[in-house]
């Protein structure tokens, strides 16, 4: 992990990562954005990898995300995680 003495921005990034990467990667654990949406995660992964070894964390998360988002008919939810609304696309 990169160490920088007296760098408040870097410290905020580290604490933000620690707060958002507990069980699933989340956007804002203090608000109603705790569902593990993948857009912010995709953007932040290079930084997360720079700070920590997150390979196994993301491997487990992505496998679970795929398994949980696939419907019985083989289609996938339009958004993941699927909130049970039944919105599925076609399985490729």
PDB file of N, CA and C in Angstrom:
ATOM      1  N   UNK A   1       0.834  -1.174   0.000  1.00  0.00           N
ATOM      2  CA  UNK A   1       0.000   0.000   0.000  1.00  0.00           C
ATOM      3  C   UNK A   1       0.882   1.242   0.000  1.00  0.00           C
ATOM      4  N   UNK A   2       0.492   2.235  -0.736  1.00  0.00           N
ATOM      5  CA  UNK A   2       1.203   3.509  -0.818  1.00  0.00           C
ATOM      6  C   UNK A   2       1.073   4.262   0.494  1.00  0.00           C
ATOM      7  N   UNK A   3       2.148   4.773   0.998  1.00  0.00           N
ATOM      8  CA  UNK A   3       2.136   5.566   2.224  1.00  0.00           C
ATOM      9  C   UNK A   3       2.503   7.002   1.896  1.00  0.00           C
ATOM     10  N   UNK A   4       1.734   7.944   2.390  1.00  0.00           N
ATOM     11  CA  UNK A   4       2.009   9.355   2.177  1.00  0.00           C
ATOM     12  C   UNK A   4       1.736  10.092   3.470  1.00  0.00           C
ATOM     13  N   UNK A   5       2.778  10.669   4.063  1.00  0.00           N
ATOM     14  CA  UNK A   5       2.633  11.375   5.329  1.00  0.00           C
ATOM     15  C   UNK A   5       1.922  12.706   5.125  1.00  0.00           C
ATOM     16  N   UNK A   6       0.893  12.925   5.924  1.00  0.00           N
ATOM     17  CA  UNK A   6       0.209  14.209   5.906  1.00  0.00           C
ATOM     18  C   UNK A   6      -0.614  14.487   4.657  1.00  0.00           C
ATOM     19  N   UNK A   7      -1.064  13.469   3.984  1.00  0.00           N
ATOM     20  CA  UNK A   7      -1.845  13.675   2.765  1.00  0.00           C
ATOM     21  C   UNK A   7      -3.316  13.386   3.052  1.00  0.00           C
ATOM     22  N   UNK A   8      -4.116  14.432   3.338  1.00  0.00           N
ATOM     23  CA  UNK A   8      -5.519  14.187   3.715  1.00  0.00           C
ATOM     24  C   UNK A   8      -6.359  13.557   2.604  1.00  0.00           C
ATOM     25  N   UNK A   9      -6.117  13.893   1.359  1.00  0.00           N
ATOM     26  CA  UNK A   9      -6.909  13.311   0.277  1.00  0.00           C
ATOM     27  C   UNK A   9      -6.688  11.804   0.208  1.00  0.00           C
ATOM     28  N   UNK A  10      -5.439  11.374   0.303  1.00  0.00           N
ATOM     29  CA  UNK A  10      -5.147   9.942   0.254  1.00  0.00           C
ATOM     30  C   UNK A  10      -5.755   9.230   1.453  1.00  0.00           C
ATOM     31  N   UNK A  11      -5.677   9.840   2.604  1.00  0.00           N
ATOM     32  CA  UNK A  11      -6.274   9.257   3.805  1.00  0.00           C
ATOM     33  C   UNK A  11      -7.781   9.089   3.630  1.00  0.00           C
ATOM     34  N   UNK A  12      -8.428  10.058   3.027  1.00  0.00           N
ATOM     35  CA  UNK A  12      -9.868   9.960   2.779  1.00  0.00           C
ATOM     36  C   UNK A  12     -10.192   8.832   1.808  1.00  0.00           C
ATOM     37  N   UNK A  13      -9.347   8.647   0.794  1.00  0.00           N
ATOM     38  CA  UNK A  13      -9.550   7.555  -0.162  1.00  0.00           C
ATOM     39  C   UNK A  13      -9.451   6.210   0.543  1.00  0.00           C
ATOM     40  N   UNK A  14      -8.448   6.048   1.390  1.00  0.00           N
ATOM     41  CA  UNK A  14      -8.263   4.787   2.118  1.00  0.00           C
ATOM     42  C   UNK A  14      -9.441   4.514   3.032  1.00  0.00           C
ATOM     43  N   UNK A  15      -9.867   5.507   3.805  1.00  0.00           N
ATOM     44  CA  UNK A  15     -11.001   5.301   4.712  1.00  0.00           C
ATOM     45  C   UNK A  15     -12.290   5.074   3.941  1.00  0.00           C
ATOM     46  N   UNK A  16     -12.457   5.727   2.800  1.00  0.00           N
ATOM     47  CA  UNK A  16     -13.626   5.481   1.959  1.00  0.00           C
ATOM     48  C   UNK A  16     -13.641   4.060   1.444  1.00  0.00           C
ATOM     49  N   UNK A  17     -12.478   3.559   1.035  1.00  0.00           N
ATOM     50  CA  UNK A  17     -12.394   2.180   0.561  1.00  0.00           C
ATOM     51  C   UNK A  17     -12.694   1.212   1.698  1.00  0.00           C
ATOM     52  N   UNK A  18     -12.138   1.439   2.854  1.00  0.00           N
ATOM     53  CA  UNK A  18     -12.403   0.555   3.992  1.00  0.00           C
ATOM     54  C   UNK A  18     -13.882   0.542   4.358  1.00  0.00           C
ATOM     55  N   UNK A  19     -14.541   1.701   4.291  1.00  0.00           N
ATOM     56  CA  UNK A  19     -15.953   1.788   4.643  1.00  0.00           C
ATOM     57  C   UNK A  19     -16.878   1.193   3.598  1.00  0.00           C
ATOM     58  N   UNK A  20     -16.438   1.163   2.342  1.00  0.00           N
ATOM     59  CA  UNK A  20     -17.284   0.688   1.256  1.00  0.00           C
ATOM     60  C   UNK A  20     -16.974  -0.735   0.812  1.00  0.00           C
ATOM     61  N   UNK A  21     -15.949  -1.356   1.337  1.00  0.00           N
ATOM     62  CA  UNK A  21     -15.560  -2.701   0.892  1.00  0.00           C
ATOM     63  C   UNK A  21     -15.607  -3.685   2.053  1.00  0.00           C
ATOM     64  N   UNK A  22     -16.745  -3.794   2.699  1.00  0.00           N
ATOM     65  CA  UNK A  22     -16.865  -4.721   3.816  1.00  0.00           C
ATOM     66  C   UNK A  22     -17.320  -6.101   3.343  1.00  0.00           C
ATOM     67  N   UNK A  23     -18.509  -6.205   2.807  1.00  0.00           N
ATOM     68  CA  UNK A  23     -19.034  -7.468   2.299  1.00  0.00           C
ATOM     69  C   UNK A  23     -19.156  -7.428   0.776  1.00  0.00           C
ATOM     70  N   UNK A  24     -19.717  -6.348   0.272  1.00  0.00           N
ATOM     71  CA  UNK A  24     -19.810  -6.076  -1.159  1.00  0.00           C
ATOM     72  C   UNK A  24     -19.355  -4.637  -1.369  1.00  0.00           C
ATOM     73  N   UNK A  25     -18.827  -4.314  -2.537  1.00  0.00           N
ATOM     74  CA  UNK A  25     -18.453  -2.922  -2.771  1.00  0.00           C
ATOM     75  C   UNK A  25     -19.702  -2.049  -2.870  1.00  0.00           C
ATOM     76  N   UNK A  26     -19.770  -1.025  -2.066  1.00  0.00           N
ATOM     77  CA  UNK A  26     -20.922  -0.124  -2.054  1.00  0.00           C
ATOM     78  C   UNK A  26     -20.483   1.278  -2.443  1.00  0.00           C
ATOM     79  N   UNK A  27     -21.470   2.134  -2.741  1.00  0.00           N
ATOM     80  CA  UNK A  27     -21.185   3.524  -3.086  1.00  0.00           C
ATOM     81  C   UNK A  27     -21.027   4.372  -1.833  1.00  0.00           C
ATOM     82  N   UNK A  28     -22.052   4.384  -1.020  1.00  0.00           N
ATOM     83  CA  UNK A  28     -22.099   5.237   0.171  1.00  0.00           C
ATOM     84  C   UNK A  28     -22.778   4.465   1.294  1.00  0.00           C
ATOM     85  N   UNK A  29     -22.022   3.898   2.228  1.00  0.00           N
ATOM     86  CA  UNK A  29     -22.650   3.074   3.255  1.00  0.00           C
ATOM     87  C   UNK A  29     -23.568   3.861   4.188  1.00  0.00           C
ATOM     88  N   UNK A  30     -23.467   5.183   4.205  1.00  0.00           N
ATOM     89  CA  UNK A  30     -24.287   5.983   5.106  1.00  0.00           C
ATOM     90  C   UNK A  30     -25.616   6.390   4.485  1.00  0.00           C
ATOM     91  N   UNK A  31     -25.814   6.151   3.198  1.00  0.00           N
ATOM     92  CA  UNK A  31     -27.065   6.527   2.535  1.00  0.00           C
ATOM     93  C   UNK A  31     -27.698   5.304   1.892  1.00  0.00           C
ATOM     94  N   UNK A  32     -28.769   5.508   1.159  1.00  0.00           N
ATOM     95  CA  UNK A  32     -29.462   4.397   0.506  1.00  0.00           C
ATOM     96  C   UNK A  32     -28.795   4.002  -0.804  1.00  0.00           C
ATOM     97  N   UNK A  33     -27.499   3.882  -0.784  1.00  0.00           N
ATOM     98  CA  UNK A  33     -26.746   3.409  -1.941  1.00  0.00           C
ATOM     99  C   UNK A  33     -25.835   2.273  -1.490  1.00  0.00           C
ATOM    100  N   UNK A  34     -26.413   1.353  -0.751  1.00  0.00           N
ATOM    101  CA  UNK A  34     -25.636   0.266  -0.159  1.00  0.00           C
ATOM    102  C   UNK A  34     -25.863  -1.063  -0.855  1.00  0.00           C
ATOM    103  N   UNK A  35     -26.293  -1.061  -2.093  1.00  0.00           N
ATOM    104  CA  UNK A  35     -26.690  -2.310  -2.733  1.00  0.00           C
ATOM    105  C   UNK A  35     -25.623  -2.939  -3.605  1.00  0.00           C
ATOM    106  N   UNK A  36     -24.458  -2.376  -3.653  1.00  0.00           N
ATOM    107  CA  UNK A  36     -23.400  -2.989  -4.448  1.00  0.00           C
ATOM    108  C   UNK A  36     -23.533  -2.742  -5.934  1.00  0.00           C
ATOM    109  N   UNK A  37     -24.039  -1.583  -6.334  1.00  0.00           N
ATOM    110  CA  UNK A  37     -24.132  -1.244  -7.757  1.00  0.00           C
ATOM    111  C   UNK A  37     -22.743  -1.322  -8.366  1.00  0.00           C
ATOM    112  N   UNK A  38     -22.654  -1.724  -9.596  1.00  0.00           N
ATOM    113  CA  UNK A  38     -21.349  -2.013 -10.185  1.00  0.00           C
ATOM    114  C   UNK A  38     -20.691  -0.842 -10.902  1.00  0.00           C
ATOM    115  N   UNK A  39     -21.413   0.233 -11.187  1.00  0.00           N
ATOM    116  CA  UNK A  39     -20.844   1.356 -11.936  1.00  0.00           C
ATOM    117  C   UNK A  39     -19.713   2.057 -11.202  1.00  0.00           C
ATOM    118  N   UNK A  40     -19.944   2.445  -9.958  1.00  0.00           N
ATOM    119  CA  UNK A  40     -18.901   3.108  -9.183  1.00  0.00           C
ATOM    120  C   UNK A  40     -17.746   2.153  -8.907  1.00  0.00           C
ATOM    121  N   UNK A  41     -18.076   0.900  -8.684  1.00  0.00           N
ATOM    122  CA  UNK A  41     -17.042  -0.100  -8.430  1.00  0.00           C
ATOM    123  C   UNK A  41     -16.116  -0.234  -9.630  1.00  0.00           C
ATOM    124  N   UNK A  42     -16.696  -0.303 -10.820  1.00  0.00           N
ATOM    125  CA  UNK A  42     -15.885  -0.436 -12.027  1.00  0.00           C
ATOM    126  C   UNK A  42     -14.898   0.727 -12.157  1.00  0.00           C
ATOM    127  N   UNK A  43     -15.337   1.902 -11.836  1.00  0.00           N
ATOM    128  CA  UNK A  43     -14.491   3.088 -11.932  1.00  0.00           C
ATOM    129  C   UNK A  43     -13.361   3.078 -10.897  1.00  0.00           C
ATOM    130  N   UNK A  44     -13.642   2.535  -9.703  1.00  0.00           N
ATOM    131  CA  UNK A  44     -12.697   2.609  -8.589  1.00  0.00           C
ATOM    132  C   UNK A  44     -11.744   1.418  -8.500  1.00  0.00           C
ATOM    133  N   UNK A  45     -11.999   0.335  -9.227  1.00  0.00           N
ATOM    134  CA  UNK A  45     -11.175  -0.879  -9.103  1.00  0.00           C
ATOM    135  C   UNK A  45      -9.679  -0.618  -9.292  1.00  0.00           C
ATOM    136  N   UNK A  46      -9.234   0.154 -10.293  1.00  0.00           N
ATOM    137  CA  UNK A  46      -7.787   0.378 -10.416  1.00  0.00           C
ATOM    138  C   UNK A  46      -7.177   1.019  -9.164  1.00  0.00           C
ATOM    139  N   UNK A  47      -7.889   1.939  -8.554  1.00  0.00           N
ATOM    140  CA  UNK A  47      -7.399   2.567  -7.323  1.00  0.00           C
ATOM    141  C   UNK A  47      -7.399   1.566  -6.183  1.00  0.00           C
ATOM    142  N   UNK A  48      -8.468   0.775  -6.082  1.00  0.00           N
ATOM    143  CA  UNK A  48      -8.550  -0.237  -5.029  1.00  0.00           C
ATOM    144  C   UNK A  48      -7.400  -1.228  -5.132  1.00  0.00           C
ATOM    145  N   UNK A  49      -7.083  -1.645  -6.366  1.00  0.00           N
ATOM    146  CA  UNK A  49      -5.978  -2.583  -6.573  1.00  0.00           C
ATOM    147  C   UNK A  49      -4.636  -1.952  -6.222  1.00  0.00           C
ATOM    148  N   UNK A  50      -4.508  -0.679  -6.460  1.00  0.00           N
ATOM    149  CA  UNK A  50      -3.269   0.022  -6.125  1.00  0.00           C
ATOM    150  C   UNK A  50      -3.077   0.070  -4.611  1.00  0.00           C
ATOM    151  N   UNK A  51      -4.180   0.246  -3.886  1.00  0.00           N
ATOM    152  CA  UNK A  51      -4.099   0.387  -2.430  1.00  0.00           C
ATOM    153  C   UNK A  51      -3.961  -0.948  -1.703  1.00  0.00           C
ATOM    154  N   UNK A  52      -4.668  -1.966  -2.158  1.00  0.00           N
ATOM    155  CA  UNK A  52      -4.713  -3.250  -1.455  1.00  0.00           C
ATOM    156  C   UNK A  52      -4.792  -4.390  -2.464  1.00  0.00           C
ATOM    157  N   UNK A  53      -4.578  -5.614  -1.979  1.00  0.00           N
ATOM    158  CA  UNK A  53      -4.773  -6.808  -2.791  1.00  0.00           C
ATOM    159  C   UNK A  53      -6.254  -7.169  -2.705  1.00  0.00           C
ATOM    160  N   UNK A  54      -7.026  -6.806  -3.721  1.00  0.00           N
ATOM    161  CA  UNK A  54      -8.479  -6.987  -3.705  1.00  0.00           C
ATOM    162  C   UNK A  54      -8.949  -8.069  -4.680  1.00  0.00           C
ATOM    163  N   UNK A  55      -8.023  -8.841  -5.236  1.00  0.00           N
ATOM    164  CA  UNK A  55      -8.385  -9.830  -6.257  1.00  0.00           C
ATOM    165  C   UNK A  55      -9.405 -10.846  -5.746  1.00  0.00           C
ATOM    166  N   UNK A  56      -9.175 -11.450  -4.610  1.00  0.00           N
ATOM    167  CA  UNK A  56     -10.106 -12.475  -4.118  1.00  0.00           C
ATOM    168  C   UNK A  56     -11.438 -11.848  -3.704  1.00  0.00           C
ATOM    169  N   UNK A  57     -11.406 -10.632  -3.169  1.00  0.00           N
ATOM    170  CA  UNK A  57     -12.633  -9.923  -2.801  1.00  0.00           C
ATOM    171  C   UNK A  57     -13.523  -9.739  -4.031  1.00  0.00           C
ATOM    172  N   UNK A  58     -12.935  -9.252  -5.138  1.00  0.00           N
ATOM    173  CA  UNK A  58     -13.718  -9.010  -6.339  1.00  0.00           C
ATOM    174  C   UNK A  58     -14.101 -10.298  -7.055  1.00  0.00           C
ATOM    175  N   UNK A  59     -13.257 -11.299  -7.000  1.00  0.00           N
ATOM    176  CA  UNK A  59     -13.614 -12.582  -7.616  1.00  0.00           C
ATOM    177  C   UNK A  59     -14.869 -13.137  -6.954  1.00  0.00           C
ATOM    178  N   UNK A  60     -14.879 -13.175  -5.640  1.00  0.00           N
ATOM    179  CA  UNK A  60     -16.040 -13.675  -4.901  1.00  0.00           C
ATOM    180  C   UNK A  60     -17.264 -12.810  -5.186  1.00  0.00           C
ATOM    181  N   UNK A  61     -17.089 -11.498  -5.180  1.00  0.00           N
ATOM    182  CA  UNK A  61     -18.212 -10.592  -5.413  1.00  0.00           C
ATOM    183  C   UNK A  61     -18.811 -10.768  -6.808  1.00  0.00           C
ATOM    184  N   UNK A  62     -17.982 -10.866  -7.823  1.00  0.00           N
ATOM    185  CA  UNK A  62     -18.496 -10.970  -9.187  1.00  0.00           C
ATOM    186  C   UNK A  62     -19.150 -12.319  -9.463  1.00  0.00           C
ATOM    187  N   UNK A  63     -18.605 -13.389  -8.910  1.00  0.00           N
ATOM    188  CA  UNK A  63     -19.239 -14.704  -9.069  1.00  0.00           C
ATOM    189  C   UNK A  63     -20.613 -14.683  -8.397  1.00  0.00           C
ATOM    190  N   UNK A  64     -20.676 -14.175  -7.184  1.00  0.00           N
ATOM    191  CA  UNK A  64     -21.952 -14.095  -6.471  1.00  0.00           C
ATOM    192  C   UNK A  64     -22.931 -13.193  -7.204  1.00  0.00           C
ATOM    193  N   UNK A  65     -22.456 -12.070  -7.711  1.00  0.00           N
ATOM    194  CA  UNK A  65     -23.314 -11.140  -8.446  1.00  0.00           C
ATOM    195  C   UNK A  65     -23.929 -11.816  -9.666  1.00  0.00           C
ATOM    196  N   UNK A  66     -23.119 -12.557 -10.404  1.00  0.00           N
ATOM    197  CA  UNK A  66     -23.632 -13.271 -11.583  1.00  0.00           C
ATOM    198  C   UNK A  66     -24.625 -14.358 -11.191  1.00  0.00           C
ATOM    199  N   UNK A  67     -24.289 -15.144 -10.186  1.00  0.00           N
ATOM    200  CA  UNK A  67     -25.182 -16.220  -9.749  1.00  0.00           C
ATOM    201  C   UNK A  67     -26.507 -15.677  -9.236  1.00  0.00           C
ATOM    202  N   UNK A  68     -26.459 -14.604  -8.463  1.00  0.00           N
ATOM    203  CA  UNK A  68     -27.676 -14.046  -7.878  1.00  0.00           C
ATOM    204  C   UNK A  68     -28.512 -13.269  -8.883  1.00  0.00           C
ATOM    205  N   UNK A  69     -27.928 -12.838  -9.979  1.00  0.00           N
ATOM    206  CA  UNK A  69     -28.645 -12.014 -10.948  1.00  0.00           C
ATOM    207  C   UNK A  69     -29.256 -12.826 -12.081  1.00  0.00           C
ATOM    208  N   UNK A  70     -28.966 -14.112 -12.153  1.00  0.00           N
ATOM    209  CA  UNK A  70     -29.529 -14.930 -13.228  1.00  0.00           C
ATOM    210  C   UNK A  70     -30.864 -15.518 -12.788  1.00  0.00           C
ATOM    211  N   UNK A  71     -31.860 -15.375 -13.654  1.00  0.00           N
ATOM    212  CA  UNK A  71     -33.194 -15.898 -13.383  1.00  0.00           C
ATOM    213  C   UNK A  71     -33.270 -17.368 -13.775  1.00  0.00           C
ATOM    214  N   UNK A  72     -34.319 -18.028 -13.330  1.00  0.00           N
ATOM    215  CA  UNK A  72     -34.497 -19.462 -13.584  1.00  0.00           C
ATOM    216  C   UNK A  72     -34.546 -19.793 -15.073  1.00  0.00           C
ATOM    217  N   UNK A  73     -35.033 -18.852 -15.895  1.00  0.00           N
ATOM    218  CA  UNK A  73     -35.130 -19.108 -17.340  1.00  0.00           C
ATOM    219  C   UNK A  73     -33.824 -18.832 -18.083  1.00  0.00           C
ATOM    220  N   UNK A  74     -32.771 -18.472 -17.348  1.00  0.00           N
ATOM    221  CA  UNK A  74     -31.468 -18.217 -17.964  1.00  0.00           C
ATOM    222  C   UNK A  74     -31.202 -16.761 -18.279  1.00  0.00           C
ATOM    223  N   UNK A  75     -32.224 -15.908 -18.171  1.00  0.00           N
ATOM    224  CA  UNK A  75     -32.016 -14.488 -18.436  1.00  0.00           C
ATOM    225  C   UNK A  75     -31.348 -13.828 -17.238  1.00  0.00           C
ATOM    226  N   UNK A  76     -30.788 -12.663 -17.487  1.00  0.00           N
ATOM    227  CA  UNK A  76     -30.151 -11.892 -16.430  1.00  0.00           C
ATOM    228  C   UNK A  76     -30.936 -10.623 -16.173  1.00  0.00           C
ATOM    229  N   UNK A  77     -30.849 -10.133 -14.977  1.00  0.00           N
ATOM    230  CA  UNK A  77     -31.494  -8.875 -14.631  1.00  0.00           C
ATOM    231  C   UNK A  77     -30.864  -7.745 -15.432  1.00  0.00           C
ATOM    232  N   UNK A  78     -31.656  -6.727 -15.729  1.00  0.00           N
ATOM    233  CA  UNK A  78     -31.149  -5.565 -16.453  1.00  0.00           C
ATOM    234  C   UNK A  78     -30.145  -4.804 -15.588  1.00  0.00           C
ATOM    235  N   UNK A  79     -30.389  -4.759 -14.298  1.00  0.00           N
ATOM    236  CA  UNK A  79     -29.455  -4.163 -13.354  1.00  0.00           C
ATOM    237  C   UNK A  79     -29.058  -5.220 -12.346  1.00  0.00           C
ATOM    238  N   UNK A  80     -27.902  -5.059 -11.786  1.00  0.00           N
ATOM    239  CA  UNK A  80     -27.435  -5.993 -10.767  1.00  0.00           C
ATOM    240  C   UNK A  80     -26.901  -5.194  -9.597  1.00  0.00           C
ATOM    241  N   UNK A  81     -27.236  -5.532  -8.397  1.00  0.00           N
ATOM    242  CA  UNK A  81     -28.058  -6.683  -8.024  1.00  0.00           C
ATOM    243  C   UNK A  81     -29.518  -6.475  -8.395  1.00  0.00           C
ATOM    244  N   UNK A  82     -30.183  -7.577  -8.714  1.00  0.00           N
ATOM    245  CA  UNK A  82     -31.606  -7.550  -9.039  1.00  0.00           C
ATOM    246  C   UNK A  82     -32.389  -7.395  -7.752  1.00  0.00           C
ATOM    247  N   UNK A  83     -33.289  -6.439  -7.726  1.00  0.00           N
ATOM    248  CA  UNK A  83     -34.071  -6.178  -6.523  1.00  0.00           C
ATOM    249  C   UNK A  83     -35.377  -6.932  -6.493  1.00  0.00           C
ATOM    250  N   UNK A  84     -35.506  -7.935  -7.357  1.00  0.00           N
ATOM    251  CA  UNK A  84     -36.700  -8.748  -7.360  1.00  0.00           C
ATOM    252  C   UNK A  84     -37.826  -8.193  -8.200  1.00  0.00           C
ATOM    253  N   UNK A  85     -37.545  -7.207  -9.024  1.00  0.00           N
ATOM    254  CA  UNK A  85     -38.576  -6.605  -9.861  1.00  0.00           C
ATOM    255  C   UNK A  85     -38.876  -7.465 -11.086  1.00  0.00           C
ATOM    256  N   UNK A  86     -38.044  -8.471 -11.328  1.00  0.00           N
ATOM    257  CA  UNK A  86     -38.279  -9.368 -12.450  1.00  0.00           C
ATOM    258  C   UNK A  86     -37.868  -8.817 -13.786  1.00  0.00           C
ATOM    259  N   UNK A  87     -37.052  -7.774 -13.794  1.00  0.00           N
ATOM    260  CA  UNK A  87     -36.624  -7.186 -15.063  1.00  0.00           C
ATOM    261  C   UNK A  87     -35.409  -7.949 -15.569  1.00  0.00           C
ATOM    262  N   UNK A  88     -35.607  -8.751 -16.590  1.00  0.00           N
ATOM    263  CA  UNK A  88     -34.508  -9.557 -17.107  1.00  0.00           C
ATOM    264  C   UNK A  88     -34.283  -9.317 -18.572  1.00  0.00           C
ATOM    265  N   UNK A  89     -33.047  -9.383 -18.998  1.00  0.00           N
ATOM    266  CA  UNK A  89     -32.716  -9.335 -20.413  1.00  0.00           C
ATOM    267  C   UNK A  89     -32.599 -10.761 -20.925  1.00  0.00           C
ATOM    268  N   UNK A  90     -32.232 -10.909 -22.139  1.00  0.00           N
ATOM    269  CA  UNK A  90     -32.070 -12.249 -22.669  1.00  0.00           C
ATOM    270  C   UNK A  90     -30.687 -12.770 -22.343  1.00  0.00           C
ATOM    271  N   UNK A  91     -30.601 -14.046 -22.060  1.00  0.00           N
ATOM    272  CA  UNK A  91     -29.304 -14.667 -21.794  1.00  0.00           C
ATOM    273  C   UNK A  91     -28.569 -14.799 -23.114  1.00  0.00           C
ATOM    274  N   UNK A  92     -27.332 -14.329 -23.132  1.00  0.00           N
ATOM    275  CA  UNK A  92     -26.547 -14.319 -24.355  1.00  0.00           C
ATOM    276  C   UNK A  92     -26.053 -15.651 -24.672  1.00  0.00           C
TER     277      UNK A  92
END
